[in-house]
Amino acid sequence: MDNRINEIRKIIRALRISMREAEAIMHEQINRDEDCTFVANEVMKMRTVMSGLVQERAALGDTDPIVVASLFVPRRKPTPPRLRIERRRLVPPREAARA
């Protein structure tokens, strides 16, 4: 049984990495206004397989978390901090006092 659990854990790890890569490709296609239905369908298939593997893993009694190294790459460039713009008065202070 331990061998089967280890096999499932390896497959889940590989699927997670593949899903992340596919999702990144899909987001790039969306940003370029391209059709991403093929990649989206593949991600859905991977999720279906993942769901079955998770159920089988739970049935075998494995509850330990599966850690995958995060290779997160931000898709957008960070926005520069906004400069604080000082409010300008339309009427000079001397004329505002008279009114």
Protein backbone atom coordinates (compact mmCIF):
# COMPACT_ATOMS: atom_id res chain seq x y z
CA MET A 1 0.00 0.00 0.00
CA ASP A 2 2.83 2.43 0.75
CA ASN A 3 4.09 2.04 -2.82
CA ARG A 4 0.67 2.94 -4.22
CA ILE A 5 0.44 5.99 -1.95
CA ASN A 6 3.90 7.13 -3.07
CA GLU A 7 2.92 6.66 -6.72
CA ILE A 8 -0.25 8.71 -6.21
CA ARG A 9 1.70 11.46 -4.46
CA LYS A 10 4.21 11.63 -7.34
CA ILE A 11 1.43 11.79 -9.91
CA ILE A 12 -0.37 14.53 -7.94
CA ARG A 13 2.84 16.55 -7.70
CA ALA A 14 3.42 16.25 -11.45
CA LEU A 15 -0.21 17.13 -12.19
CA ARG A 16 -0.03 20.25 -10.03
CA ILE A 17 3.02 21.46 -11.90
CA SER A 18 1.41 20.71 -15.27
CA MET A 19 -1.77 22.50 -14.22
CA ARG A 20 0.17 25.59 -13.16
CA GLU A 21 2.01 25.67 -16.47
CA ALA A 22 -1.21 25.19 -18.44
CA GLU A 23 -2.96 27.92 -16.44
CA ALA A 24 -0.07 30.31 -17.11
CA ILE A 25 -0.31 29.56 -20.84
CA MET A 26 -4.07 30.07 -20.70
CA HIS A 27 -3.70 33.45 -18.98
CA GLU A 28 -1.16 34.54 -21.60
CA GLN A 29 -3.60 33.57 -24.34
CA ILE A 30 -6.39 35.49 -22.62
CA ASN A 31 -4.17 38.57 -22.35
CA ARG A 32 -3.50 38.38 -26.09
CA ASP A 33 -7.23 37.89 -26.84
CA GLU A 34 -6.56 34.44 -28.30
CA ASP A 35 -8.77 31.36 -28.10
CA CYS A 36 -7.85 29.29 -25.04
CA THR A 37 -10.55 26.60 -25.15
CA PHE A 38 -8.11 23.76 -25.85
CA VAL A 39 -5.89 24.59 -22.88
CA ALA A 40 -8.94 25.18 -20.65
CA ASN A 41 -10.31 21.75 -21.58
CA GLU A 42 -6.96 20.16 -20.77
CA VAL A 43 -6.92 21.86 -17.36
CA MET A 44 -10.43 20.53 -16.69
CA LYS A 45 -9.30 17.01 -17.63
CA MET A 46 -6.32 17.33 -15.27
CA ARG A 47 -8.67 18.45 -12.47
CA THR A 48 -10.87 15.40 -13.07
CA VAL A 49 -7.86 13.09 -12.84
CA MET A 50 -6.63 14.96 -9.75
CA SER A 51 -10.00 14.54 -8.05
CA GLY A 52 -9.93 10.77 -8.60
CA LEU A 53 -6.38 10.52 -7.28
CA VAL A 54 -7.24 12.54 -4.18
CA GLN A 55 -10.21 10.29 -3.45
CA GLU A 56 -8.08 7.17 -3.87
CA ARG A 57 -5.37 8.65 -1.67
CA ALA A 58 -7.91 9.46 1.05
CA ALA A 59 -9.33 5.93 0.83
CA LEU A 60 -5.84 4.55 1.44
CA GLY A 61 -5.60 6.69 4.59
CA ASP A 62 -2.97 9.21 3.49
CA THR A 63 -3.68 12.62 5.02
CA ASP A 64 -0.22 14.20 4.89
CA PRO A 65 0.01 17.40 2.82
CA ILE A 66 1.77 17.23 -0.52
CA VAL A 67 4.19 20.14 -0.86
CA VAL A 68 5.11 21.42 -4.29
CA ALA A 69 7.81 24.06 -4.67
CA SER A 70 6.16 27.25 -5.79
CA LEU A 71 7.68 28.75 -8.89
CA PHE A 72 5.23 31.64 -8.92
CA VAL A 73 5.98 34.22 -11.53
CA PRO A 74 3.83 37.34 -11.38
CA ARG A 75 1.98 37.97 -14.63
CA ARG A 76 1.83 41.72 -14.26
CA LYS A 77 4.57 44.17 -13.60
CA PRO A 78 4.14 45.80 -10.20
CA THR A 79 2.61 49.23 -10.46
CA PRO A 80 4.79 52.11 -9.30
CA PRO A 81 3.61 53.84 -6.14
CA ARG A 82 1.34 56.78 -6.81
CA LEU A 83 2.79 60.18 -6.31
CA ARG A 84 0.92 62.32 -3.88
CA ILE A 85 -0.36 65.32 -5.80
CA GLU A 86 -0.92 68.44 -3.79
CA ARG A 87 -4.31 70.05 -4.29
CA ARG A 88 -4.19 73.44 -5.91
CA ARG A 89 -6.65 76.16 -5.18
CA LEU A 90 -8.37 77.80 -8.09
CA VAL A 91 -8.59 81.15 -6.30
CA PRO A 92 -5.54 82.72 -4.66
CA PRO A 93 -5.83 82.74 -0.82
CA ARG A 94 -6.12 86.58 -0.62
CA GLU A 95 -9.13 86.70 -2.94
CA ALA A 96 -10.80 83.76 -1.20
CA ALA A 97 -10.72 85.66 2.10
CA ARG A 98 -12.54 88.65 0.57
CA ALA A 99 -15.35 86.58 -0.89
